[in-house]
C-alpha atoms as a PDB file:
ATOM      1  CA  MET A   1     -20.741   2.747  31.308  1.00  0.00           C
ATOM      2  CA  ASN A   2     -20.199   0.355  34.162  1.00  0.00           C
ATOM      3  CA  ALA A   3     -16.922  -0.143  35.993  1.00  0.00           C
ATOM      4  CA  ALA A   4     -16.038  -3.383  34.202  1.00  0.00           C
ATOM      5  CA  LYS A   5     -16.390  -1.777  30.754  1.00  0.00           C
ATOM      6  CA  ARG A   6     -14.393   1.262  31.863  1.00  0.00           C
ATOM      7  CA  ARG A   7     -11.623  -0.980  33.207  1.00  0.00           C
ATOM      8  CA  ALA A   8     -11.578  -3.018  29.960  1.00  0.00           C
ATOM      9  CA  LEU A   9     -11.263   0.158  27.885  1.00  0.00           C
ATOM     10  CA  LEU A  10      -8.411   1.430  30.048  1.00  0.00           C
ATOM     11  CA  ASP A  11      -6.626  -1.906  29.713  1.00  0.00           C
ATOM     12  CA  MET A  12      -6.790  -1.639  25.926  1.00  0.00           C
ATOM     13  CA  ARG A  13      -5.021   1.710  25.843  1.00  0.00           C
ATOM     14  CA  SER A  14      -1.621   1.516  24.270  1.00  0.00           C
ATOM     15  CA  ALA A  15       1.617   2.401  26.010  1.00  0.00           C
ATOM     16  CA  LEU A  16       1.891   5.399  23.688  1.00  0.00           C
ATOM     17  CA  GLU A  17      -1.543   6.676  24.722  1.00  0.00           C
ATOM     18  CA  GLU A  18      -0.687   6.304  28.383  1.00  0.00           C
ATOM     19  CA  SER A  19       2.675   8.044  27.984  1.00  0.00           C
ATOM     20  CA  LEU A  20       1.081  10.905  26.049  1.00  0.00           C
ATOM     21  CA  ASP A  21      -1.653  11.345  28.658  1.00  0.00           C
ATOM     22  CA  VAL A  22       0.925  11.501  31.451  1.00  0.00           C
ATOM     23  CA  PHE A  23       2.932  14.041  29.472  1.00  0.00           C
ATOM     24  CA  LEU A  24      -0.151  16.204  28.866  1.00  0.00           C
ATOM     25  CA  ALA A  25      -1.051  16.105  32.553  1.00  0.00           C
ATOM     26  CA  GLU A  26       2.433  16.965  33.815  1.00  0.00           C
ATOM     27  CA  TRP A  27       4.047  19.267  31.212  1.00  0.00           C
ATOM     28  CA  PRO A  28       4.161  22.759  32.748  1.00  0.00           C
ATOM     29  CA  GLY A  29       3.405  24.721  29.565  1.00  0.00           C
ATOM     30  CA  ASP A  30       1.040  25.112  26.629  1.00  0.00           C
ATOM     31  CA  LEU A  31       3.700  24.459  23.987  1.00  0.00           C
ATOM     32  CA  VAL A  32       6.435  21.906  23.414  1.00  0.00           C
ATOM     33  CA  THR A  33       8.789  21.049  20.580  1.00  0.00           C
ATOM     34  CA  LEU A  34       7.770  18.066  18.507  1.00  0.00           C
ATOM     35  CA  SER A  35      11.246  16.571  18.838  1.00  0.00           C
ATOM     36  CA  PHE A  36      11.209  16.806  22.659  1.00  0.00           C
ATOM     37  CA  LEU A  37       7.754  15.214  22.832  1.00  0.00           C
ATOM     38  CA  ARG A  38       8.654  12.452  20.362  1.00  0.00           C
ATOM     39  CA  THR A  39      11.933  11.684  22.190  1.00  0.00           C
ATOM     40  CA  HIS A  40      10.201  11.613  25.570  1.00  0.00           C
ATOM     41  CA  LEU A  41       7.484   9.244  24.322  1.00  0.00           C
ATOM     42  CA  SER A  42      10.029   6.980  22.614  1.00  0.00           C
ATOM     43  CA  ASP A  43      12.085   6.827  25.812  1.00  0.00           C
ATOM     44  CA  GLN A  44       9.000   5.923  27.839  1.00  0.00           C
ATOM     45  CA  MET A  45       8.059   3.141  25.432  1.00  0.00           C
ATOM     46  CA  GLY A  46      11.588   1.857  24.856  1.00  0.00           C
ATOM     47  CA  GLN A  47      11.168   2.099  21.076  1.00  0.00           C
ATOM     48  CA  ASN A  48      10.625   4.661  18.328  1.00  0.00           C
ATOM     49  CA  VAL A  49       7.177   6.223  18.084  1.00  0.00           C
ATOM     50  CA  ASN A  50       5.030   5.291  15.081  1.00  0.00           C
ATOM     51  CA  GLU A  51       4.384   8.623  13.301  1.00  0.00           C
ATOM     52  CA  GLN A  52       0.924   7.636  12.063  1.00  0.00           C
ATOM     53  CA  HIS A  53      -0.174   6.586  15.521  1.00  0.00           C
ATOM     54  CA  LEU A  54       1.244   9.789  16.997  1.00  0.00           C
ATOM     55  CA  ARG A  55      -0.601  11.956  14.440  1.00  0.00           C
ATOM     56  CA  GLN A  56      -3.847  10.121  15.194  1.00  0.00           C
ATOM     57  CA  LEU A  57      -3.384  10.667  18.941  1.00  0.00           C
ATOM     58  CA  PHE A  58      -2.662  14.358  18.328  1.00  0.00           C
ATOM     59  CA  LYS A  59      -5.927  14.625  16.435  1.00  0.00           C
ATOM     60  CA  GLU A  60      -7.902  12.787  19.137  1.00  0.00           C
ATOM     61  CA  ARG A  61      -6.465  14.927  21.929  1.00  0.00           C
ATOM     62  CA  GLY A  62      -6.584  18.287  20.154  1.00  0.00           C
ATOM     63  CA  ILE A  63      -2.816  18.730  19.899  1.00  0.00           C
ATOM     64  CA  VAL A  64      -2.046  21.119  17.038  1.00  0.00           C
ATOM     65  CA  ARG A  65       1.172  22.112  15.266  1.00  0.00           C
ATOM     66  CA  LEU A  66       1.784  25.853  15.189  1.00  0.00           C
ATOM     67  CA  THR A  67       2.018  26.851  11.554  1.00  0.00           C
ATOM     68  CA  GLY A  68       4.784  29.197  10.522  1.00  0.00           C
ATOM     69  CA  ARG A  69       6.569  28.773  13.849  1.00  0.00           C
ATOM     70  CA  ARG A  70       9.971  27.149  13.625  1.00  0.00           C
ATOM     71  CA  PRO A  71      12.071  29.025  16.173  1.00  0.00           C
ATOM     72  CA  ARG A  72      15.547  27.990  17.177  1.00  0.00           C
ATOM     73  CA  ILE A  73      15.523  26.343  20.556  1.00  0.00           C
ATOM     74  CA  ALA A  74      18.814  25.180  22.021  1.00  0.00           C
ATOM     75  CA  GLY A  75      20.402  25.933  18.645  1.00  0.00           C
ATOM     76  CA  ALA A  76      18.081  23.761  16.521  1.00  0.00           C
ATOM     77  CA  GLN A  77      15.165  24.850  14.393  1.00  0.00           C
ATOM     78  CA  GLU A  78      12.106  23.157  15.879  1.00  0.00           C
ATOM     79  CA  THR A  79       8.496  22.352  15.026  1.00  0.00           C
ATOM     80  CA  ILE A  80       6.217  23.559  17.809  1.00  0.00           C
ATOM     81  CA  VAL A  81       3.024  21.865  18.963  1.00  0.00           C
ATOM     82  CA  ALA A  82       0.293  23.405  21.088  1.00  0.00           C
ATOM     83  CA  LEU A  83      -1.084  20.938  23.613  1.00  0.00           C
ATOM     84  CA  SER A  84      -4.682  22.085  23.108  1.00  0.00           C
ATOM     85  CA  GLN A  85      -6.810  24.053  20.671  1.00  0.00           C
ATOM     86  CA  LYS A  86      -7.074  26.809  23.283  1.00  0.00           C
ATOM     87  CA  ALA A  87      -3.265  27.036  23.444  1.00  0.00           C
ATOM     88  CA  TRP A  88      -3.086  27.107  19.641  1.00  0.00           C
ATOM     89  CA  ASP A  89      -5.574  29.989  19.546  1.00  0.00           C
ATOM     90  CA  ALA A  90      -3.539  31.904  22.139  1.00  0.00           C
ATOM     91  CA  TRP A  91      -0.093  31.296  20.622  1.00  0.00           C
ATOM     92  CA  GLN A  92      -0.688  31.219  16.861  1.00  0.00           C
ATOM     93  CA  GLY A  93       0.078  34.900  16.238  1.00  0.00           C
ATOM     94  CA  GLN A  94       2.781  35.359  18.863  1.00  0.00           C
ATOM     95  CA  PRO A  95       6.374  36.216  17.929  1.00  0.00           C
ATOM     96  CA  LYS A  96       8.907  33.399  17.722  1.00  0.00           C
ATOM     97  CA  GLU A  97      10.818  34.885  20.643  1.00  0.00           C
ATOM     98  CA  ALA A  98       7.790  34.570  22.947  1.00  0.00           C
ATOM     99  CA  VAL A  99       7.229  30.971  21.846  1.00  0.00           C
ATOM    100  CA  GLU A 100      10.891  30.156  22.447  1.00  0.00           C
ATOM    101  CA  ARG A 101      10.837  31.793  25.891  1.00  0.00           C
ATOM    102  CA  HIS A 102       7.683  29.870  26.899  1.00  0.00           C
ATOM    103  CA  ILE A 103       9.172  26.512  25.892  1.00  0.00           C
ATOM    104  CA  ASN A 104      12.513  27.225  27.545  1.00  0.00           C
ATOM    105  CA  GLU A 105      10.743  28.183  30.789  1.00  0.00           C
ATOM    106  CA  ALA A 106       8.739  24.943  30.723  1.00  0.00           C
ATOM    107  CA  ARG A 107      11.882  22.882  30.078  1.00  0.00           C
ATOM    108  CA  ALA A 108      13.731  24.694  32.873  1.00  0.00           C
ATOM    109  CA  LYS A 109      11.222  23.361  35.392  1.00  0.00           C
ATOM    110  CA  GLY A 110      12.827  19.949  34.809  1.00  0.00           C
ATOM    111  CA  VAL A 111       9.641  17.895  34.937  1.00  0.00           C
ATOM    112  CA  PHE A 112      10.955  15.253  32.523  1.00  0.00           C
ATOM    113  CA  ASP A 113      14.703  15.425  33.110  1.00  0.00           C
END
């Protein structure tokens, strides 16, 4: 692929794709709550995230929801997503407390505050 084609493809990326890629590059953990990720992306775009588009991007980028994991984080029961298949493999059988601790530690680093 030549430089002009690469540049044209990058220009066609949506704001949601760009925001998600930045999040994936900068988030300091393997896991995040779906609500935190959705809120962050909506804030970056200045509008609500289209759920279908978000699900498609998750599929394309290998982001997977942890099944059976709905721990309470900051007092609310949350859906957890692993930011890669490797993270999903590592975290799928872990106790809710470990998942909660990992997410709280990542949030405490204040990357997106």
